Amino acid sequence: MNWNEFRKAHKGLSKTEMSDLWKKYKAGEYEYEEPQAEIDPNHGHDLDHIKEVEQEIKREEKEQKFLNRLNNKEQRSQAVRSITHYS
């Protein structure tokens, strides 16, 4: 691993901490282990990535309640009527 790869892998550390770890790495006293992704055993998907994406696309509470009404058969006609007869 070169210095640039090392820096990228240790983002968030202070310059001093990173420098100390780099010295240990070069001396063979520190071994970097790449973090393992949490993989869904049934489908092979990266669960951490899925969680990040879900947070990015999370809907506002009001919008989500409305969509939940659309997905509920008993309330669907009322929700659709509120779209078509918007006031």
N, C-alpha and C. Protein backbone atom coordinates (compact mmCIF):
# COMPACT_ATOMS: atom_id res chain seq x y z
N MET A 1 0.86 -1.17 0.00
CA MET A 1 0.00 0.00 0.00
C MET A 1 0.90 1.23 0.00
N ASN A 2 0.59 2.17 -0.90
CA ASN A 2 1.38 3.40 -0.92
C ASN A 2 0.72 4.45 0.01
N TRP A 3 1.41 5.59 0.15
CA TRP A 3 0.95 6.63 1.08
C TRP A 3 -0.45 7.14 0.74
N ASN A 4 -0.73 7.37 -0.54
CA ASN A 4 -2.06 7.88 -0.93
C ASN A 4 -3.16 6.88 -0.61
N GLU A 5 -2.91 5.62 -0.86
CA GLU A 5 -3.90 4.57 -0.53
C GLU A 5 -4.09 4.49 0.99
N PHE A 6 -3.00 4.62 1.72
CA PHE A 6 -3.04 4.58 3.18
C PHE A 6 -3.88 5.73 3.72
N ARG A 7 -3.64 6.93 3.18
CA ARG A 7 -4.41 8.12 3.62
C ARG A 7 -5.90 7.94 3.33
N LYS A 8 -6.21 7.45 2.16
CA LYS A 8 -7.61 7.24 1.79
C LYS A 8 -8.28 6.23 2.72
N ALA A 9 -7.56 5.18 3.08
CA ALA A 9 -8.11 4.14 3.94
C ALA A 9 -8.26 4.60 5.39
N HIS A 10 -7.54 5.64 5.77
CA HIS A 10 -7.57 6.11 7.16
C HIS A 10 -8.12 7.53 7.27
N LYS A 11 -9.06 7.86 6.39
CA LYS A 11 -9.70 9.18 6.44
C LYS A 11 -10.31 9.41 7.81
N GLY A 12 -10.21 10.63 8.29
CA GLY A 12 -10.81 10.98 9.57
C GLY A 12 -9.82 11.01 10.71
N LEU A 13 -8.64 10.43 10.52
CA LEU A 13 -7.62 10.49 11.57
C LEU A 13 -6.89 11.82 11.48
N SER A 14 -6.35 12.26 12.60
CA SER A 14 -5.54 13.49 12.60
C SER A 14 -4.23 13.21 11.87
N LYS A 15 -3.55 14.26 11.47
CA LYS A 15 -2.27 14.10 10.76
C LYS A 15 -1.26 13.34 11.63
N THR A 16 -1.26 13.65 12.92
CA THR A 16 -0.33 13.00 13.83
C THR A 16 -0.62 11.50 13.94
N GLU A 17 -1.90 11.16 14.13
CA GLU A 17 -2.27 9.75 14.23
C GLU A 17 -1.93 9.00 12.95
N MET A 18 -2.23 9.62 11.81
CA MET A 18 -1.98 8.98 10.53
C MET A 18 -0.47 8.78 10.33
N SER A 19 0.30 9.78 10.67
CA SER A 19 1.75 9.69 10.53
C SER A 19 2.32 8.57 11.40
N ASP A 20 1.84 8.48 12.65
CA ASP A 20 2.32 7.42 13.55
C ASP A 20 1.96 6.04 13.02
N LEU A 21 0.72 5.90 12.52
CA LEU A 21 0.31 4.60 11.97
C LEU A 21 1.11 4.26 10.72
N TRP A 22 1.41 5.26 9.88
CA TRP A 22 2.18 5.02 8.66
C TRP A 22 3.58 4.50 9.01
N LYS A 23 4.19 5.11 10.02
CA LYS A 23 5.52 4.66 10.45
C LYS A 23 5.46 3.21 10.93
N LYS A 24 4.42 2.88 11.71
CA LYS A 24 4.26 1.49 12.18
C LYS A 24 4.01 0.55 11.01
N TYR A 25 3.21 0.99 10.05
CA TYR A 25 2.92 0.18 8.87
C TYR A 25 4.20 -0.12 8.10
N LYS A 26 5.01 0.91 7.87
CA LYS A 26 6.26 0.73 7.12
C LYS A 26 7.25 -0.16 7.88
N ALA A 27 7.20 -0.12 9.21
CA ALA A 27 8.10 -0.93 10.03
C ALA A 27 7.57 -2.36 10.21
N GLY A 28 6.36 -2.61 9.71
CA GLY A 28 5.77 -3.95 9.84
C GLY A 28 5.10 -4.19 11.18
N GLU A 29 4.85 -3.11 11.94
CA GLU A 29 4.23 -3.24 13.26
C GLU A 29 2.71 -3.03 13.21
N TYR A 30 2.20 -2.67 12.05
CA TYR A 30 0.76 -2.41 11.89
C TYR A 30 0.32 -3.00 10.57
N GLU A 31 -0.77 -3.73 10.62
CA GLU A 31 -1.31 -4.34 9.41
C GLU A 31 -2.74 -3.84 9.20
N TYR A 32 -2.97 -3.26 8.03
CA TYR A 32 -4.30 -2.71 7.73
C TYR A 32 -5.22 -3.82 7.26
N GLU A 33 -6.39 -3.89 7.89
CA GLU A 33 -7.41 -4.85 7.46
C GLU A 33 -8.58 -4.06 6.92
N GLU A 34 -8.90 -4.29 5.66
CA GLU A 34 -10.00 -3.58 5.03
C GLU A 34 -11.31 -4.01 5.68
N PRO A 35 -12.18 -3.05 6.03
CA PRO A 35 -13.44 -3.41 6.66
C PRO A 35 -14.30 -4.26 5.71
N GLN A 36 -14.91 -5.28 6.28
CA GLN A 36 -15.75 -6.17 5.49
C GLN A 36 -17.18 -5.62 5.45
N ALA A 37 -17.76 -5.64 4.27
CA ALA A 37 -19.14 -5.18 4.11
C ALA A 37 -20.08 -6.25 4.68
N GLU A 38 -21.21 -5.79 5.20
CA GLU A 38 -22.24 -6.71 5.68
C GLU A 38 -23.07 -7.15 4.47
N ILE A 39 -22.92 -8.42 4.09
CA ILE A 39 -23.55 -8.92 2.88
C ILE A 39 -24.76 -9.78 3.24
N ASP A 40 -25.86 -9.55 2.52
CA ASP A 40 -27.07 -10.37 2.69
C ASP A 40 -26.75 -11.77 2.19
N PRO A 41 -26.83 -12.79 3.07
CA PRO A 41 -26.45 -14.15 2.67
C PRO A 41 -27.39 -14.75 1.60
N ASN A 42 -28.61 -14.26 1.52
CA ASN A 42 -29.56 -14.82 0.57
C ASN A 42 -29.45 -14.20 -0.82
N HIS A 43 -29.11 -12.91 -0.88
CA HIS A 43 -29.12 -12.21 -2.16
C HIS A 43 -27.78 -11.62 -2.58
N GLY A 44 -26.82 -11.56 -1.66
CA GLY A 44 -25.50 -11.04 -1.98
C GLY A 44 -25.41 -9.53 -2.05
N HIS A 45 -26.38 -8.83 -1.48
CA HIS A 45 -26.38 -7.36 -1.52
C HIS A 45 -25.61 -6.80 -0.33
N ASP A 46 -24.96 -5.66 -0.54
CA ASP A 46 -24.25 -4.96 0.51
C ASP A 46 -25.28 -4.22 1.37
N LEU A 47 -25.54 -4.73 2.56
CA LEU A 47 -26.59 -4.17 3.43
C LEU A 47 -26.26 -2.77 3.93
N ASP A 48 -24.98 -2.49 4.15
CA ASP A 48 -24.58 -1.14 4.59
C ASP A 48 -24.91 -0.11 3.52
N HIS A 49 -24.63 -0.47 2.27
CA HIS A 49 -24.93 0.44 1.16
C HIS A 49 -26.44 0.67 1.04
N ILE A 50 -27.21 -0.39 1.20
CA ILE A 50 -28.67 -0.27 1.13
C ILE A 50 -29.18 0.67 2.22
N LYS A 51 -28.64 0.56 3.43
CA LYS A 51 -29.05 1.45 4.52
C LYS A 51 -28.74 2.91 4.19
N GLU A 52 -27.56 3.16 3.60
CA GLU A 52 -27.19 4.52 3.23
C GLU A 52 -28.16 5.09 2.20
N VAL A 53 -28.48 4.30 1.19
CA VAL A 53 -29.38 4.75 0.12
C VAL A 53 -30.77 5.01 0.69
N GLU A 54 -31.24 4.14 1.58
CA GLU A 54 -32.57 4.34 2.17
C GLU A 54 -32.62 5.64 2.95
N GLN A 55 -31.55 5.99 3.65
CA GLN A 55 -31.51 7.25 4.39
C GLN A 55 -31.54 8.44 3.44
N GLU A 56 -30.86 8.31 2.29
CA GLU A 56 -30.82 9.40 1.32
C GLU A 56 -32.18 9.66 0.70
N ILE A 57 -32.98 8.61 0.51
CA ILE A 57 -34.26 8.76 -0.18
C ILE A 57 -35.45 8.71 0.77
N LYS A 58 -35.19 8.84 2.05
CA LYS A 58 -36.26 8.79 3.03
C LYS A 58 -37.26 9.93 2.77
N ARG A 59 -38.53 9.59 2.77
CA ARG A 59 -39.58 10.56 2.49
C ARG A 59 -39.97 11.34 3.74
N GLU A 60 -40.56 12.50 3.52
CA GLU A 60 -41.08 13.28 4.64
C GLU A 60 -42.25 12.51 5.23
N GLU A 61 -42.48 12.70 6.52
CA GLU A 61 -43.51 11.93 7.23
C GLU A 61 -44.89 12.10 6.59
N LYS A 62 -45.25 13.34 6.24
CA LYS A 62 -46.57 13.61 5.65
C LYS A 62 -46.73 12.87 4.31
N GLU A 63 -45.68 12.91 3.49
CA GLU A 63 -45.72 12.23 2.20
C GLU A 63 -45.83 10.72 2.38
N GLN A 64 -45.07 10.16 3.35
CA GLN A 64 -45.10 8.73 3.57
C GLN A 64 -46.47 8.27 4.07
N LYS A 65 -47.12 9.06 4.93
CA LYS A 65 -48.46 8.71 5.41
C LYS A 65 -49.45 8.66 4.24
N PHE A 66 -49.33 9.63 3.34
CA PHE A 66 -50.21 9.67 2.17
C PHE A 66 -50.00 8.44 1.30
N LEU A 67 -48.74 8.08 1.06
CA LEU A 67 -48.45 6.90 0.25
C LEU A 67 -48.92 5.62 0.93
N ASN A 68 -48.83 5.58 2.24
CA ASN A 68 -49.34 4.41 2.97
C ASN A 68 -50.85 4.27 2.78
N ARG A 69 -51.55 5.42 2.75
CA ARG A 69 -52.99 5.38 2.50
C ARG A 69 -53.28 4.85 1.10
N LEU A 70 -52.47 5.22 0.12
CA LEU A 70 -52.66 4.73 -1.25
C LEU A 70 -52.48 3.21 -1.32
N ASN A 71 -51.61 2.68 -0.49
CA ASN A 71 -51.34 1.24 -0.50
C ASN A 71 -52.32 0.45 0.34
N ASN A 72 -53.18 1.12 1.07
CA ASN A 72 -54.18 0.46 1.89
C ASN A 72 -55.48 0.40 1.09
N LYS A 73 -55.97 -0.82 0.78
CA LYS A 73 -57.15 -0.97 -0.09
C LYS A 73 -58.37 -0.23 0.43
N GLU A 74 -58.61 -0.25 1.73
CA GLU A 74 -59.79 0.42 2.28
C GLU A 74 -59.72 1.94 2.11
N GLN A 75 -58.52 2.50 2.17
CA GLN A 75 -58.37 3.95 2.11
C GLN A 75 -57.97 4.44 0.72
N ARG A 76 -57.72 3.52 -0.22
CA ARG A 76 -57.21 3.89 -1.53
C ARG A 76 -58.15 4.84 -2.26
N SER A 77 -59.43 4.55 -2.31
CA SER A 77 -60.35 5.40 -3.08
C SER A 77 -60.38 6.82 -2.50
N GLN A 78 -60.33 6.94 -1.20
CA GLN A 78 -60.33 8.26 -0.58
C GLN A 78 -59.03 9.01 -0.91
N ALA A 79 -57.90 8.32 -0.90
CA ALA A 79 -56.62 8.95 -1.20
C ALA A 79 -56.56 9.37 -2.67
N VAL A 80 -57.06 8.52 -3.57
CA VAL A 80 -57.06 8.85 -4.99
C VAL A 80 -57.99 10.03 -5.24
N ARG A 81 -59.13 10.04 -4.58
CA ARG A 81 -60.08 11.14 -4.72
C ARG A 81 -59.44 12.46 -4.27
N SER A 82 -58.60 12.40 -3.23
CA SER A 82 -57.97 13.62 -2.75
C SER A 82 -56.94 14.14 -3.75
N ILE A 83 -56.39 13.25 -4.60
CA ILE A 83 -55.46 13.69 -5.64
C ILE A 83 -56.24 14.31 -6.79
N THR A 84 -57.30 13.65 -7.24
CA THR A 84 -58.04 14.10 -8.41
C THR A 84 -58.93 15.30 -8.11
N HIS A 85 -59.31 15.48 -6.84
CA HIS A 85 -60.15 16.60 -6.46
C HIS A 85 -59.41 17.53 -5.50
N TYR A 86 -58.15 17.80 -5.85
CA TYR A 86 -57.29 18.62 -5.00
C TYR A 86 -57.86 20.03 -4.90
N SER A 87 -57.91 20.55 -3.69
CA SER A 87 -58.43 21.91 -3.51
C SER A 87 -57.40 22.83 -2.96
